[in-house]
Amino acid sequence: MDEERRLEGKPPPPALLQRPELPELASLAWDAFWDLTGERPLGFGAQGRIPWSAVDRWGARYAIAGEQFTRLKRIVQALDAAWLEHMNKPADKQPPTGG
C-alpha cells in the first residue's frame, strides 16, 4: 500500500511519518521473533514457546553474544509470551475483526 501511495505521488500517512525509530536491538529482536516463530513445537492443537536453543542459534548466526544476547533473549521471550497469550485466548474473548 505504501508503494501504491508513492507511485500515485501521495505522501505517506501521518502515522507512518510519526512512527518511532526502534533501537537496533529491538529491531533485531523483532526480526528474531518472526524468524523463529516457525520453530515452536506443536502438540495437541497448541503452540509451544520458541525454544531457547532456536534463539541461541539465531544469535550465533548473527554474532550476538554476551549481554546483548541476554537482552535479545529476554525481548524475544517477552514477545513470545504475549503472542502465546493472544493466540490461546478463547475465541469468545478475542476482539472482533473486520468492519
N, C-alpha and C. Protein backbone atom coordinates (compact mmCIF):
# COMPACT_ATOMS: atom_id res chain seq x y z
N MET A 1 0.82 -1.18 0.00
CA MET A 1 0.00 0.00 0.00
C MET A 1 0.87 1.25 0.00
N ASP A 2 1.94 1.25 0.79
CA ASP A 2 2.83 2.41 0.80
C ASP A 2 3.44 2.65 -0.58
N GLU A 3 3.77 1.55 -1.27
CA GLU A 3 4.34 1.67 -2.60
C GLU A 3 3.32 2.28 -3.56
N GLU A 4 2.05 1.86 -3.42
CA GLU A 4 0.98 2.42 -4.26
C GLU A 4 0.86 3.92 -4.03
N ARG A 5 0.87 4.33 -2.78
CA ARG A 5 0.76 5.76 -2.46
C ARG A 5 1.92 6.53 -3.08
N ARG A 6 3.12 5.96 -2.96
CA ARG A 6 4.29 6.63 -3.50
C ARG A 6 4.19 6.78 -5.01
N LEU A 7 3.76 5.70 -5.68
CA LEU A 7 3.63 5.75 -7.14
C LEU A 7 2.57 6.74 -7.60
N GLU A 8 1.55 6.94 -6.76
CA GLU A 8 0.49 7.90 -7.09
C GLU A 8 0.87 9.32 -6.69
N GLY A 9 2.07 9.49 -6.13
CA GLY A 9 2.52 10.82 -5.72
C GLY A 9 1.90 11.32 -4.43
N LYS A 10 1.29 10.41 -3.67
CA LYS A 10 0.67 10.78 -2.40
C LYS A 10 1.70 10.68 -1.28
N PRO A 11 1.61 11.56 -0.29
CA PRO A 11 2.55 11.46 0.84
C PRO A 11 2.19 10.24 1.71
N PRO A 12 3.15 9.76 2.48
CA PRO A 12 2.86 8.66 3.39
C PRO A 12 1.83 9.10 4.44
N PRO A 13 1.07 8.17 4.99
CA PRO A 13 0.11 8.52 6.03
C PRO A 13 0.83 9.10 7.25
N PRO A 14 0.18 10.03 7.97
CA PRO A 14 0.82 10.66 9.14
C PRO A 14 1.35 9.65 10.17
N ALA A 15 0.61 8.57 10.39
CA ALA A 15 1.06 7.58 11.38
C ALA A 15 2.40 6.98 10.99
N LEU A 16 2.62 6.80 9.69
CA LEU A 16 3.88 6.25 9.23
C LEU A 16 5.01 7.24 9.44
N LEU A 17 4.72 8.51 9.23
CA LEU A 17 5.75 9.53 9.43
C LEU A 17 6.09 9.72 10.90
N GLN A 18 5.16 9.40 11.78
CA GLN A 18 5.35 9.63 13.21
C GLN A 18 5.79 8.37 13.95
N ARG A 19 6.01 7.29 13.24
CA ARG A 19 6.39 6.05 13.94
C ARG A 19 7.76 6.23 14.60
N PRO A 20 7.92 5.66 15.77
CA PRO A 20 9.20 5.80 16.46
C PRO A 20 10.27 4.94 15.81
N GLU A 21 11.50 5.39 15.93
CA GLU A 21 12.63 4.59 15.48
C GLU A 21 12.94 3.58 16.59
N LEU A 22 13.07 2.33 16.22
CA LEU A 22 13.40 1.31 17.21
C LEU A 22 14.90 1.27 17.42
N PRO A 23 15.33 1.08 18.66
CA PRO A 23 16.76 0.83 18.89
C PRO A 23 17.16 -0.43 18.11
N GLU A 24 18.42 -0.52 17.75
CA GLU A 24 18.90 -1.63 16.92
C GLU A 24 18.55 -2.99 17.53
N LEU A 25 18.74 -3.14 18.84
CA LEU A 25 18.47 -4.44 19.46
C LEU A 25 16.98 -4.78 19.40
N ALA A 26 16.11 -3.79 19.56
CA ALA A 26 14.67 -4.04 19.48
C ALA A 26 14.29 -4.50 18.07
N SER A 27 14.89 -3.88 17.08
CA SER A 27 14.63 -4.26 15.70
C SER A 27 15.15 -5.68 15.44
N LEU A 28 16.32 -6.00 15.96
CA LEU A 28 16.86 -7.37 15.82
C LEU A 28 15.95 -8.38 16.50
N ALA A 29 15.47 -8.04 17.69
CA ALA A 29 14.60 -8.96 18.44
C ALA A 29 13.29 -9.18 17.68
N TRP A 30 12.76 -8.14 17.08
CA TRP A 30 11.53 -8.26 16.29
C TRP A 30 11.77 -9.22 15.11
N ASP A 31 12.90 -9.03 14.43
CA ASP A 31 13.25 -9.93 13.32
C ASP A 31 13.44 -11.36 13.82
N ALA A 32 14.13 -11.52 14.95
CA ALA A 32 14.36 -12.85 15.50
C ALA A 32 13.04 -13.52 15.85
N PHE A 33 12.14 -12.78 16.48
CA PHE A 33 10.84 -13.34 16.86
C PHE A 33 10.11 -13.89 15.63
N TRP A 34 10.04 -13.11 14.57
CA TRP A 34 9.31 -13.57 13.38
C TRP A 34 10.07 -14.67 12.65
N ASP A 35 11.40 -14.61 12.65
CA ASP A 35 12.18 -15.68 12.03
C ASP A 35 11.98 -17.00 12.79
N LEU A 36 11.85 -16.92 14.11
CA LEU A 36 11.83 -18.12 14.95
C LEU A 36 10.43 -18.63 15.26
N THR A 37 9.42 -17.92 14.88
CA THR A 37 8.07 -18.34 15.25
C THR A 37 7.73 -19.72 14.68
N GLY A 38 8.34 -20.09 13.57
CA GLY A 38 8.12 -21.42 13.00
C GLY A 38 8.85 -22.53 13.73
N GLU A 39 9.69 -22.19 14.70
CA GLU A 39 10.44 -23.18 15.47
C GLU A 39 9.64 -23.72 16.66
N ARG A 40 8.45 -23.17 16.87
CA ARG A 40 7.63 -23.59 18.01
C ARG A 40 7.25 -25.06 17.91
N PRO A 41 7.34 -25.79 19.01
CA PRO A 41 6.80 -27.14 18.99
C PRO A 41 5.26 -27.08 18.98
N LEU A 42 4.65 -28.00 18.29
CA LEU A 42 3.19 -28.07 18.24
C LEU A 42 2.76 -29.39 18.85
N GLY A 43 1.67 -29.36 19.58
CA GLY A 43 1.16 -30.60 20.14
C GLY A 43 -0.24 -30.42 20.69
N PHE A 44 -1.10 -31.37 20.40
CA PHE A 44 -2.46 -31.36 20.89
C PHE A 44 -3.17 -30.05 20.55
N GLY A 45 -2.89 -29.51 19.37
CA GLY A 45 -3.56 -28.30 18.91
C GLY A 45 -3.05 -27.02 19.54
N ALA A 46 -1.98 -27.08 20.30
CA ALA A 46 -1.46 -25.89 20.96
C ALA A 46 -0.05 -25.58 20.46
N GLN A 47 0.27 -24.31 20.47
CA GLN A 47 1.62 -23.88 20.12
C GLN A 47 2.46 -23.79 21.39
N GLY A 48 3.71 -24.21 21.30
CA GLY A 48 4.62 -24.08 22.42
C GLY A 48 5.45 -22.82 22.30
N ARG A 49 6.29 -22.61 23.29
CA ARG A 49 7.20 -21.46 23.28
C ARG A 49 8.32 -21.68 22.27
N ILE A 50 8.87 -20.58 21.76
CA ILE A 50 10.05 -20.68 20.90
C ILE A 50 11.17 -21.24 21.78
N PRO A 51 11.81 -22.32 21.37
CA PRO A 51 12.85 -22.92 22.20
C PRO A 51 14.06 -22.00 22.38
N TRP A 52 14.66 -22.08 23.56
CA TRP A 52 15.87 -21.31 23.84
C TRP A 52 16.94 -21.65 22.83
N SER A 53 17.05 -22.94 22.47
CA SER A 53 18.09 -23.36 21.53
C SER A 53 17.93 -22.67 20.17
N ALA A 54 16.70 -22.40 19.76
CA ALA A 54 16.48 -21.71 18.49
C ALA A 54 16.95 -20.26 18.59
N VAL A 55 16.67 -19.62 19.72
CA VAL A 55 17.14 -18.24 19.93
C VAL A 55 18.66 -18.23 19.97
N ASP A 56 19.25 -19.21 20.63
CA ASP A 56 20.71 -19.30 20.71
C ASP A 56 21.33 -19.45 19.32
N ARG A 57 20.77 -20.33 18.49
CA ARG A 57 21.30 -20.49 17.12
C ARG A 57 21.15 -19.21 16.31
N TRP A 58 20.01 -18.53 16.46
CA TRP A 58 19.78 -17.29 15.74
C TRP A 58 20.81 -16.25 16.16
N GLY A 59 21.02 -16.14 17.47
CA GLY A 59 22.02 -15.20 17.97
C GLY A 59 23.42 -15.52 17.48
N ALA A 60 23.77 -16.81 17.45
CA ALA A 60 25.10 -17.21 16.97
C ALA A 60 25.27 -16.88 15.49
N ARG A 61 24.23 -17.10 14.71
CA ARG A 61 24.30 -16.81 13.27
C ARG A 61 24.60 -15.34 13.02
N TYR A 62 24.04 -14.46 13.86
CA TYR A 62 24.22 -13.02 13.68
C TYR A 62 25.27 -12.44 14.64
N ALA A 63 26.08 -13.31 15.23
CA ALA A 63 27.19 -12.92 16.10
C ALA A 63 26.73 -12.02 17.25
N ILE A 64 25.63 -12.41 17.88
CA ILE A 64 25.12 -11.67 19.03
C ILE A 64 25.46 -12.51 20.26
N ALA A 65 26.22 -11.93 21.17
CA ALA A 65 26.70 -12.69 22.32
C ALA A 65 26.71 -11.81 23.57
N GLY A 66 27.01 -12.44 24.69
CA GLY A 66 27.17 -11.73 25.95
C GLY A 66 25.90 -11.03 26.40
N GLU A 67 26.05 -9.83 26.93
CA GLU A 67 24.91 -9.07 27.45
C GLU A 67 23.90 -8.75 26.36
N GLN A 68 24.38 -8.51 25.15
CA GLN A 68 23.45 -8.22 24.05
C GLN A 68 22.57 -9.44 23.76
N PHE A 69 23.14 -10.65 23.81
CA PHE A 69 22.33 -11.86 23.61
C PHE A 69 21.33 -12.02 24.75
N THR A 70 21.75 -11.75 25.97
CA THR A 70 20.84 -11.87 27.11
C THR A 70 19.63 -10.95 26.93
N ARG A 71 19.89 -9.72 26.51
CA ARG A 71 18.78 -8.78 26.28
C ARG A 71 17.92 -9.24 25.10
N LEU A 72 18.54 -9.71 24.02
CA LEU A 72 17.80 -10.22 22.87
C LEU A 72 16.88 -11.36 23.31
N LYS A 73 17.43 -12.30 24.07
CA LYS A 73 16.66 -13.46 24.54
C LYS A 73 15.46 -13.01 25.37
N ARG A 74 15.67 -12.04 26.26
CA ARG A 74 14.56 -11.56 27.11
C ARG A 74 13.47 -10.90 26.27
N ILE A 75 13.87 -10.12 25.27
CA ILE A 75 12.87 -9.45 24.42
C ILE A 75 12.10 -10.48 23.61
N VAL A 76 12.81 -11.44 23.01
CA VAL A 76 12.14 -12.47 22.22
C VAL A 76 11.19 -13.28 23.11
N GLN A 77 11.61 -13.61 24.32
CA GLN A 77 10.75 -14.36 25.23
C GLN A 77 9.51 -13.54 25.62
N ALA A 78 9.67 -12.24 25.81
CA ALA A 78 8.51 -11.39 26.14
C ALA A 78 7.55 -11.31 24.96
N LEU A 79 8.08 -11.14 23.76
CA LEU A 79 7.22 -11.13 22.56
C LEU A 79 6.51 -12.47 22.42
N ASP A 80 7.24 -13.54 22.66
CA ASP A 80 6.68 -14.88 22.54
C ASP A 80 5.56 -15.09 23.56
N ALA A 81 5.77 -14.67 24.79
CA ALA A 81 4.74 -14.82 25.82
C ALA A 81 3.48 -14.04 25.46
N ALA A 82 3.65 -12.81 24.96
CA ALA A 82 2.49 -12.01 24.55
C ALA A 82 1.77 -12.67 23.38
N TRP A 83 2.52 -13.21 22.43
CA TRP A 83 1.94 -13.88 21.27
C TRP A 83 1.13 -15.09 21.71
N LEU A 84 1.72 -15.92 22.58
CA LEU A 84 1.02 -17.12 23.04
C LEU A 84 -0.22 -16.76 23.84
N GLU A 85 -0.14 -15.73 24.65
CA GLU A 85 -1.31 -15.30 25.42
C GLU A 85 -2.43 -14.90 24.47
N HIS A 86 -2.08 -14.15 23.44
CA HIS A 86 -3.08 -13.74 22.45
C HIS A 86 -3.65 -14.94 21.71
N MET A 87 -2.79 -15.84 21.27
CA MET A 87 -3.24 -16.98 20.48
C MET A 87 -4.05 -17.98 21.29
N ASN A 88 -3.82 -18.03 22.59
CA ASN A 88 -4.51 -19.00 23.43
C ASN A 88 -5.79 -18.47 24.06
N LYS A 89 -6.15 -17.22 23.76
CA LYS A 89 -7.42 -16.70 24.26
C LYS A 89 -8.56 -17.46 23.61
N PRO A 90 -9.59 -17.77 24.39
CA PRO A 90 -10.76 -18.40 23.78
C PRO A 90 -11.35 -17.46 22.71
N ALA A 91 -11.95 -18.05 21.69
CA ALA A 91 -12.49 -17.26 20.58
C ALA A 91 -13.49 -16.21 21.06
N ASP A 92 -14.27 -16.50 22.10
CA ASP A 92 -15.26 -15.52 22.56
C ASP A 92 -14.62 -14.35 23.30
N LYS A 93 -13.32 -14.44 23.62
CA LYS A 93 -12.60 -13.34 24.28
C LYS A 93 -11.78 -12.53 23.29
N GLN A 94 -11.68 -12.99 22.03
CA GLN A 94 -10.92 -12.29 21.01
C GLN A 94 -11.66 -11.01 20.61
N PRO A 95 -10.92 -9.93 20.38
CA PRO A 95 -11.58 -8.72 19.88
C PRO A 95 -12.11 -8.98 18.48
N PRO A 96 -13.23 -8.34 18.12
CA PRO A 96 -13.79 -8.56 16.79
C PRO A 96 -12.84 -8.05 15.71
N THR A 97 -12.86 -8.72 14.57
CA THR A 97 -12.04 -8.29 13.44
C THR A 97 -12.96 -7.86 12.30
N GLY A 98 -12.41 -7.12 11.40
CA GLY A 98 -13.19 -6.68 10.25
C GLY A 98 -14.06 -5.49 10.59
N GLY A 99 -14.97 -5.18 9.75
CA GLY A 99 -15.76 -3.98 9.98
C GLY A 99 -17.11 -4.15 9.58
